[in-house]
């Protein structure tokens, strides 16, 4: 079996939610090593909840979460970062009052200075626009530059799995295209497995290798992006 065919992340019959409110009802999905996996579906479907459960921000009530062959349900976010899982949430992407350099350092706060410097330099090769802005306050960057910084920071730990929650949120169409091209390049150049929650369905279907559609906390479709692209009625039904 080739490395690209190895299952890196496996979620089985996951049930979880917030407080007493259940959001996921028996969700099962997997991500092969080196692939981009997209989670699509209407608002409130439970897509972001899947990411939060995988990284340990919320507990799994039932079911199993396996990463690289080991059970990780019950693990803390810090433990999962150590295993190679990083998460870039939607919304507030950067620490506004800190510089670009300081934001990157937060991504590897447990590393020694030499290793942090080396990893920062490697990441900046992917994001040259940030190289000239290291001393600039992050809050003064454009929306697109802030998203690039959030991606760069998430890459500092050298993750095996990078999880992105709506990276296009609030960006102009031109910046959306740039962000998706960057995500595709990260996957292609580094081999990092990426799981992405996204409402820009057309764009994410163009870069992913596998897609899951969630609705009402359950998986309603699992397959290749081409299967959905060629069936507009099915795609429409997934969002109704």
C-alpha atoms as a PDB file:
ATOM      1  CA  UNK A   1       0.000   0.000   0.000  1.00  0.00           C
ATOM      2  CA  UNK A   2       1.426   3.400  -0.955  1.00  0.00           C
ATOM      3  CA  UNK A   3       1.693   6.193   1.558  1.00  0.00           C
ATOM      4  CA  UNK A   4      -0.994   8.149  -0.256  1.00  0.00           C
ATOM      5  CA  UNK A   5      -3.379   5.248   0.248  1.00  0.00           C
ATOM      6  CA  UNK A   6      -2.779   4.967   3.996  1.00  0.00           C
ATOM      7  CA  UNK A   7      -5.664   6.113   6.183  1.00  0.00           C
ATOM      8  CA  UNK A   8      -4.273   8.860   8.415  1.00  0.00           C
ATOM      9  CA  UNK A   9      -7.516   9.892  10.127  1.00  0.00           C
ATOM     10  CA  UNK A  10     -10.487   7.624  10.775  1.00  0.00           C
ATOM     11  CA  UNK A  11     -13.685   8.742  12.497  1.00  0.00           C
ATOM     12  CA  UNK A  12     -16.238   6.040  13.316  1.00  0.00           C
ATOM     13  CA  UNK A  13     -19.832   6.567  14.496  1.00  0.00           C
ATOM     14  CA  UNK A  14     -18.973   9.879  16.174  1.00  0.00           C
ATOM     15  CA  UNK A  15     -21.600  11.461  18.388  1.00  0.00           C
ATOM     16  CA  UNK A  16     -20.989  14.757  20.185  1.00  0.00           C
ATOM     17  CA  UNK A  17     -22.345  18.241  20.733  1.00  0.00           C
ATOM     18  CA  UNK A  18     -22.345  21.203  23.093  1.00  0.00           C
ATOM     19  CA  UNK A  19     -23.779  20.973  26.602  1.00  0.00           C
ATOM     20  CA  UNK A  20     -26.899  18.839  26.258  1.00  0.00           C
ATOM     21  CA  UNK A  21     -27.406  19.675  22.582  1.00  0.00           C
ATOM     22  CA  UNK A  22     -26.337  16.827  20.304  1.00  0.00           C
ATOM     23  CA  UNK A  23     -24.921  17.967  16.959  1.00  0.00           C
ATOM     24  CA  UNK A  24     -23.359  14.852  15.403  1.00  0.00           C
ATOM     25  CA  UNK A  25     -25.246  11.593  15.035  1.00  0.00           C
ATOM     26  CA  UNK A  26     -23.024   8.673  14.072  1.00  0.00           C
ATOM     27  CA  UNK A  27     -20.632  10.465  11.700  1.00  0.00           C
ATOM     28  CA  UNK A  28     -18.039   8.263  10.014  1.00  0.00           C
ATOM     29  CA  UNK A  29     -15.336   9.538   7.667  1.00  0.00           C
ATOM     30  CA  UNK A  30     -11.675   9.113   6.866  1.00  0.00           C
ATOM     31  CA  UNK A  31      -8.770  10.987   5.340  1.00  0.00           C
ATOM     32  CA  UNK A  32      -6.011   9.270   3.385  1.00  0.00           C
ATOM     33  CA  UNK A  33      -2.466  10.488   3.933  1.00  0.00           C
ATOM     34  CA  UNK A  34      -1.465  13.234   1.524  1.00  0.00           C
ATOM     35  CA  UNK A  35      -4.996  14.057   0.406  1.00  0.00           C
ATOM     36  CA  UNK A  36      -7.355  17.039   0.688  1.00  0.00           C
ATOM     37  CA  UNK A  37     -10.726  16.106   2.177  1.00  0.00           C
ATOM     38  CA  UNK A  38     -13.598  18.601   2.028  1.00  0.00           C
ATOM     39  CA  UNK A  39     -16.574  18.796   4.372  1.00  0.00           C
ATOM     40  CA  UNK A  40     -19.515  20.630   2.796  1.00  0.00           C
ATOM     41  CA  UNK A  41     -23.161  21.127   3.652  1.00  0.00           C
ATOM     42  CA  UNK A  42     -25.603  23.755   4.960  1.00  0.00           C
ATOM     43  CA  UNK A  43     -24.967  25.908   8.018  1.00  0.00           C
ATOM     44  CA  UNK A  44     -25.567  23.998  11.232  1.00  0.00           C
ATOM     45  CA  UNK A  45     -24.827  20.622   9.642  1.00  0.00           C
ATOM     46  CA  UNK A  46     -22.026  19.853  12.107  1.00  0.00           C
ATOM     47  CA  UNK A  47     -19.002  20.354   9.864  1.00  0.00           C
ATOM     48  CA  UNK A  48     -17.008  22.539  12.248  1.00  0.00           C
ATOM     49  CA  UNK A  49     -18.000  20.275  15.132  1.00  0.00           C
ATOM     50  CA  UNK A  50     -16.216  17.390  13.409  1.00  0.00           C
ATOM     51  CA  UNK A  51     -12.979  19.393  13.298  1.00  0.00           C
ATOM     52  CA  UNK A  52     -13.315  20.463  16.937  1.00  0.00           C
ATOM     53  CA  UNK A  53     -13.863  16.867  18.050  1.00  0.00           C
ATOM     54  CA  UNK A  54     -10.874  15.607  16.069  1.00  0.00           C
ATOM     55  CA  UNK A  55      -8.499  18.196  17.526  1.00  0.00           C
ATOM     56  CA  UNK A  56      -9.844  17.679  21.057  1.00  0.00           C
ATOM     57  CA  UNK A  57     -11.624  20.988  21.638  1.00  0.00           C
ATOM     58  CA  UNK A  58     -14.837  19.105  22.445  1.00  0.00           C
ATOM     59  CA  UNK A  59     -15.141  15.519  23.734  1.00  0.00           C
ATOM     60  CA  UNK A  60     -16.495  12.585  21.752  1.00  0.00           C
ATOM     61  CA  UNK A  61     -19.633  11.315  23.486  1.00  0.00           C
ATOM     62  CA  UNK A  62     -19.648   8.075  21.526  1.00  0.00           C
ATOM     63  CA  UNK A  63     -17.659   6.575  18.671  1.00  0.00           C
ATOM     64  CA  UNK A  64     -13.972   6.479  17.858  1.00  0.00           C
ATOM     65  CA  UNK A  65     -11.373   8.846  16.444  1.00  0.00           C
ATOM     66  CA  UNK A  66      -8.164   7.265  15.172  1.00  0.00           C
ATOM     67  CA  UNK A  67      -5.072   9.098  13.953  1.00  0.00           C
ATOM     68  CA  UNK A  68      -2.079   7.360  12.449  1.00  0.00           C
ATOM     69  CA  UNK A  69      -3.313   4.064  13.872  1.00  0.00           C
ATOM     70  CA  UNK A  70      -3.804   5.303  17.456  1.00  0.00           C
ATOM     71  CA  UNK A  71      -7.052   6.130  19.273  1.00  0.00           C
ATOM     72  CA  UNK A  72      -7.139   9.846  20.122  1.00  0.00           C
ATOM     73  CA  UNK A  73     -10.679  10.414  21.413  1.00  0.00           C
ATOM     74  CA  UNK A  74     -10.154  11.772  24.906  1.00  0.00           C
ATOM     75  CA  UNK A  75      -6.881  13.490  23.987  1.00  0.00           C
ATOM     76  CA  UNK A  76      -6.321  17.185  24.683  1.00  0.00           C
ATOM     77  CA  UNK A  77      -5.635  19.745  21.924  1.00  0.00           C
ATOM     78  CA  UNK A  78      -2.020  20.028  23.133  1.00  0.00           C
ATOM     79  CA  UNK A  79      -1.550  16.274  22.904  1.00  0.00           C
ATOM     80  CA  UNK A  80      -2.992  16.272  19.412  1.00  0.00           C
ATOM     81  CA  UNK A  81      -0.705  19.086  18.274  1.00  0.00           C
ATOM     82  CA  UNK A  82       2.147  16.919  19.497  1.00  0.00           C
ATOM     83  CA  UNK A  83       0.824  14.078  17.346  1.00  0.00           C
ATOM     84  CA  UNK A  84       0.773  16.320  14.286  1.00  0.00           C
ATOM     85  CA  UNK A  85      -2.747  17.792  14.164  1.00  0.00           C
ATOM     86  CA  UNK A  86      -3.227  21.544  13.806  1.00  0.00           C
ATOM     87  CA  UNK A  87      -6.448  23.531  13.492  1.00  0.00           C
ATOM     88  CA  UNK A  88      -7.021  26.959  11.944  1.00  0.00           C
ATOM     89  CA  UNK A  89     -10.497  28.100  13.098  1.00  0.00           C
ATOM     90  CA  UNK A  90     -12.770  30.462  11.235  1.00  0.00           C
ATOM     91  CA  UNK A  91     -13.230  34.091  12.227  1.00  0.00           C
ATOM     92  CA  UNK A  92     -10.496  35.765  14.269  1.00  0.00           C
ATOM     93  CA  UNK A  93      -7.531  34.509  12.305  1.00  0.00           C
ATOM     94  CA  UNK A  94      -4.612  36.314  13.963  1.00  0.00           C
ATOM     95  CA  UNK A  95      -3.605  38.142  17.132  1.00  0.00           C
ATOM     96  CA  UNK A  96      -4.117  41.703  15.890  1.00  0.00           C
ATOM     97  CA  UNK A  97      -1.784  43.535  18.278  1.00  0.00           C
ATOM     98  CA  UNK A  98       1.110  41.130  17.794  1.00  0.00           C
ATOM     99  CA  UNK A  99       3.509  41.327  14.882  1.00  0.00           C
ATOM    100  CA  UNK A 100       3.591  38.789  12.075  1.00  0.00           C
ATOM    101  CA  UNK A 101       6.779  37.326  13.596  1.00  0.00           C
ATOM    102  CA  UNK A 102       5.140  37.029  17.040  1.00  0.00           C
ATOM    103  CA  UNK A 103       2.086  35.296  15.543  1.00  0.00           C
ATOM    104  CA  UNK A 104       4.358  32.747  13.899  1.00  0.00           C
ATOM    105  CA  UNK A 105       6.227  32.207  17.179  1.00  0.00           C
ATOM    106  CA  UNK A 106       2.945  31.368  18.926  1.00  0.00           C
ATOM    107  CA  UNK A 107       2.528  28.526  16.427  1.00  0.00           C
ATOM    108  CA  UNK A 108       5.690  26.925  17.812  1.00  0.00           C
ATOM    109  CA  UNK A 109       5.831  28.255  21.365  1.00  0.00           C
ATOM    110  CA  UNK A 110       7.232  24.971  22.727  1.00  0.00           C
ATOM    111  CA  UNK A 111      10.123  24.817  20.255  1.00  0.00           C
ATOM    112  CA  UNK A 112      13.608  26.039  21.068  1.00  0.00           C
ATOM    113  CA  UNK A 113      14.698  29.259  19.375  1.00  0.00           C
ATOM    114  CA  UNK A 114      16.875  27.584  16.768  1.00  0.00           C
ATOM    115  CA  UNK A 115      14.174  25.127  15.683  1.00  0.00           C
ATOM    116  CA  UNK A 116      11.487  27.834  15.684  1.00  0.00           C
ATOM    117  CA  UNK A 117      13.660  30.045  13.476  1.00  0.00           C
ATOM    118  CA  UNK A 118      14.287  27.185  11.062  1.00  0.00           C
ATOM    119  CA  UNK A 119      10.634  26.265  10.795  1.00  0.00           C
ATOM    120  CA  UNK A 120       9.585  29.900  10.396  1.00  0.00           C
ATOM    121  CA  UNK A 121      12.014  30.295   7.506  1.00  0.00           C
ATOM    122  CA  UNK A 122      10.665  27.153   5.834  1.00  0.00           C
ATOM    123  CA  UNK A 123       7.074  28.338   6.170  1.00  0.00           C
ATOM    124  CA  UNK A 124       7.876  31.827   4.883  1.00  0.00           C
ATOM    125  CA  UNK A 125       9.161  30.274   1.666  1.00  0.00           C
ATOM    126  CA  UNK A 126       5.524  29.310   1.043  1.00  0.00           C
ATOM    127  CA  UNK A 127       4.280  32.785   1.975  1.00  0.00           C
ATOM    128  CA  UNK A 128       6.729  35.335   0.569  1.00  0.00           C
ATOM    129  CA  UNK A 129       4.208  38.167   1.076  1.00  0.00           C
ATOM    130  CA  UNK A 130       4.789  37.799   4.834  1.00  0.00           C
ATOM    131  CA  UNK A 131       8.577  37.964   4.639  1.00  0.00           C
ATOM    132  CA  UNK A 132       8.618  41.743   4.319  1.00  0.00           C
ATOM    133  CA  UNK A 133       5.948  42.196   7.017  1.00  0.00           C
ATOM    134  CA  UNK A 134       7.525  40.368   9.964  1.00  0.00           C
ATOM    135  CA  UNK A 135       7.636  43.468  12.168  1.00  0.00           C
ATOM    136  CA  UNK A 136       4.192  44.738  11.137  1.00  0.00           C
ATOM    137  CA  UNK A 137       1.197  44.459  13.464  1.00  0.00           C
ATOM    138  CA  UNK A 138      -0.971  41.648  12.171  1.00  0.00           C
ATOM    139  CA  UNK A 139      -4.163  43.662  12.588  1.00  0.00           C
ATOM    140  CA  UNK A 140      -2.924  46.017   9.873  1.00  0.00           C
ATOM    141  CA  UNK A 141      -2.639  43.251   7.273  1.00  0.00           C
ATOM    142  CA  UNK A 142      -5.321  42.818   4.634  1.00  0.00           C
ATOM    143  CA  UNK A 143      -7.885  40.067   5.088  1.00  0.00           C
ATOM    144  CA  UNK A 144      -6.086  37.877   2.597  1.00  0.00           C
ATOM    145  CA  UNK A 145      -2.711  38.461   4.259  1.00  0.00           C
ATOM    146  CA  UNK A 146      -4.200  37.617   7.653  1.00  0.00           C
ATOM    147  CA  UNK A 147      -5.497  34.335   6.241  1.00  0.00           C
ATOM    148  CA  UNK A 148      -2.047  33.585   4.842  1.00  0.00           C
ATOM    149  CA  UNK A 149      -0.572  34.277   8.271  1.00  0.00           C
ATOM    150  CA  UNK A 150      -3.110  31.958   9.926  1.00  0.00           C
ATOM    151  CA  UNK A 151      -2.139  29.218   7.475  1.00  0.00           C
ATOM    152  CA  UNK A 152       1.559  29.870   8.027  1.00  0.00           C
ATOM    153  CA  UNK A 153       1.176  29.755  11.813  1.00  0.00           C
ATOM    154  CA  UNK A 154      -0.688  26.436  11.597  1.00  0.00           C
ATOM    155  CA  UNK A 155       2.192  25.005   9.550  1.00  0.00           C
ATOM    156  CA  UNK A 156       4.930  25.911  12.059  1.00  0.00           C
ATOM    157  CA  UNK A 157       4.512  22.636  14.012  1.00  0.00           C
ATOM    158  CA  UNK A 158       4.982  20.635  10.782  1.00  0.00           C
ATOM    159  CA  UNK A 159       1.579  18.959  11.038  1.00  0.00           C
ATOM    160  CA  UNK A 160       0.622  15.696   9.393  1.00  0.00           C
ATOM    161  CA  UNK A 161      -3.013  16.851   9.383  1.00  0.00           C
ATOM    162  CA  UNK A 162      -4.006  20.483   8.854  1.00  0.00           C
ATOM    163  CA  UNK A 163      -7.655  21.281   9.547  1.00  0.00           C
ATOM    164  CA  UNK A 164      -9.118  24.492   8.124  1.00  0.00           C
ATOM    165  CA  UNK A 165     -12.509  25.934   9.054  1.00  0.00           C
ATOM    166  CA  UNK A 166     -13.854  28.165   6.266  1.00  0.00           C
ATOM    167  CA  UNK A 167     -10.571  29.806   5.233  1.00  0.00           C
ATOM    168  CA  UNK A 168     -12.420  31.884   2.596  1.00  0.00           C
ATOM    169  CA  UNK A 169     -14.775  33.521   5.103  1.00  0.00           C
ATOM    170  CA  UNK A 170     -15.052  37.271   4.498  1.00  0.00           C
ATOM    171  CA  UNK A 171     -12.565  37.377   1.621  1.00  0.00           C
ATOM    172  CA  UNK A 172     -13.099  38.974  -1.786  1.00  0.00           C
ATOM    173  CA  UNK A 173     -13.420  36.641  -4.811  1.00  0.00           C
ATOM    174  CA  UNK A 174      -9.841  37.363  -5.920  1.00  0.00           C
ATOM    175  CA  UNK A 175      -8.461  36.585  -2.481  1.00  0.00           C
ATOM    176  CA  UNK A 176     -10.574  33.426  -2.270  1.00  0.00           C
ATOM    177  CA  UNK A 177      -8.885  32.126  -5.419  1.00  0.00           C
ATOM    178  CA  UNK A 178      -5.460  32.983  -4.008  1.00  0.00           C
ATOM    179  CA  UNK A 179      -6.156  31.209  -0.714  1.00  0.00           C
ATOM    180  CA  UNK A 180      -7.405  28.043  -2.410  1.00  0.00           C
ATOM    181  CA  UNK A 181      -4.396  28.005  -4.728  1.00  0.00           C
ATOM    182  CA  UNK A 182      -2.152  28.302  -1.674  1.00  0.00           C
ATOM    183  CA  UNK A 183      -3.941  25.456   0.123  1.00  0.00           C
ATOM    184  CA  UNK A 184      -3.567  23.247  -2.949  1.00  0.00           C
ATOM    185  CA  UNK A 185       0.126  24.114  -3.197  1.00  0.00           C
ATOM    186  CA  UNK A 186       0.716  23.333   0.496  1.00  0.00           C
ATOM    187  CA  UNK A 187      -0.769  19.891  -0.056  1.00  0.00           C
ATOM    188  CA  UNK A 188       1.141  19.322  -3.288  1.00  0.00           C
ATOM    189  CA  UNK A 189       4.526  20.570  -2.088  1.00  0.00           C
ATOM    190  CA  UNK A 190       4.546  19.245   1.477  1.00  0.00           C
ATOM    191  CA  UNK A 191       2.286  16.184   1.331  1.00  0.00           C
ATOM    192  CA  UNK A 192       0.365  17.418   4.382  1.00  0.00           C
ATOM    193  CA  UNK A 193      -3.119  15.941   4.661  1.00  0.00           C
ATOM    194  CA  UNK A 194      -5.751  18.687   4.747  1.00  0.00           C
ATOM    195  CA  UNK A 195      -9.331  18.550   5.998  1.00  0.00           C
ATOM    196  CA  UNK A 196     -11.257  21.661   5.049  1.00  0.00           C
ATOM    197  CA  UNK A 197     -14.732  22.906   5.961  1.00  0.00           C
ATOM    198  CA  UNK A 198     -15.900  25.324   3.297  1.00  0.00           C
ATOM    199  CA  UNK A 199     -19.038  27.043   1.998  1.00  0.00           C
ATOM    200  CA  UNK A 200     -17.402  27.981  -1.311  1.00  0.00           C
ATOM    201  CA  UNK A 201     -18.383  24.619  -2.770  1.00  0.00           C
ATOM    202  CA  UNK A 202     -17.259  25.118  -6.369  1.00  0.00           C
ATOM    203  CA  UNK A 203     -13.794  26.237  -5.311  1.00  0.00           C
ATOM    204  CA  UNK A 204     -13.217  23.504  -2.738  1.00  0.00           C
ATOM    205  CA  UNK A 205     -14.423  20.769  -5.119  1.00  0.00           C
ATOM    206  CA  UNK A 206     -11.724  21.908  -7.546  1.00  0.00           C
ATOM    207  CA  UNK A 207      -8.897  21.193  -5.088  1.00  0.00           C
ATOM    208  CA  UNK A 208     -10.086  18.270  -2.946  1.00  0.00           C
ATOM    209  CA  UNK A 209      -9.617  14.543  -3.546  1.00  0.00           C
ATOM    210  CA  UNK A 210     -12.580  13.369  -1.477  1.00  0.00           C
ATOM    211  CA  UNK A 211     -15.723  15.079  -0.232  1.00  0.00           C
ATOM    212  CA  UNK A 212     -18.196  14.438   2.552  1.00  0.00           C
ATOM    213  CA  UNK A 213     -21.499  16.265   2.746  1.00  0.00           C
ATOM    214  CA  UNK A 214     -23.106  16.632   6.153  1.00  0.00           C
ATOM    215  CA  UNK A 215     -26.719  17.520   6.876  1.00  0.00           C
ATOM    216  CA  UNK A 216     -28.465  17.526  10.249  1.00  0.00           C
ATOM    217  CA  UNK A 217     -25.390  16.015  11.870  1.00  0.00           C
ATOM    218  CA  UNK A 218     -25.130  13.001   9.566  1.00  0.00           C
ATOM    219  CA  UNK A 219     -23.103  12.123   6.475  1.00  0.00           C
ATOM    220  CA  UNK A 220     -25.402  12.276   3.442  1.00  0.00           C
ATOM    221  CA  UNK A 221     -22.758  11.828   0.752  1.00  0.00           C
ATOM    222  CA  UNK A 222     -19.211  10.469   0.584  1.00  0.00           C
ATOM    223  CA  UNK A 223     -17.264  10.191  -2.637  1.00  0.00           C
ATOM    224  CA  UNK A 224     -15.130  11.962  -5.212  1.00  0.00           C
ATOM    225  CA  UNK A 225     -15.660  15.613  -6.131  1.00  0.00           C
ATOM    226  CA  UNK A 226     -16.324  14.578  -9.736  1.00  0.00           C
ATOM    227  CA  UNK A 227     -19.370  12.578  -8.631  1.00  0.00           C
ATOM    228  CA  UNK A 228     -20.957  15.737  -7.261  1.00  0.00           C
ATOM    229  CA  UNK A 229     -19.775  18.040 -10.046  1.00  0.00           C
ATOM    230  CA  UNK A 230     -21.502  15.828 -12.606  1.00  0.00           C
ATOM    231  CA  UNK A 231     -24.769  15.658 -10.656  1.00  0.00           C
ATOM    232  CA  UNK A 232     -26.080  19.172 -10.053  1.00  0.00           C
ATOM    233  CA  UNK A 233     -29.407  17.885  -8.704  1.00  0.00           C
ATOM    234  CA  UNK A 234     -27.628  15.819  -6.081  1.00  0.00           C
ATOM    235  CA  UNK A 235     -25.424  18.771  -5.106  1.00  0.00           C
ATOM    236  CA  UNK A 236     -28.487  21.000  -4.764  1.00  0.00           C
ATOM    237  CA  UNK A 237     -30.262  18.410  -2.607  1.00  0.00           C
ATOM    238  CA  UNK A 238     -27.343  18.299  -0.185  1.00  0.00           C
ATOM    239  CA  UNK A 239     -27.985  21.902   0.770  1.00  0.00           C
ATOM    240  CA  UNK A 240     -31.802  21.766   1.005  1.00  0.00           C
END
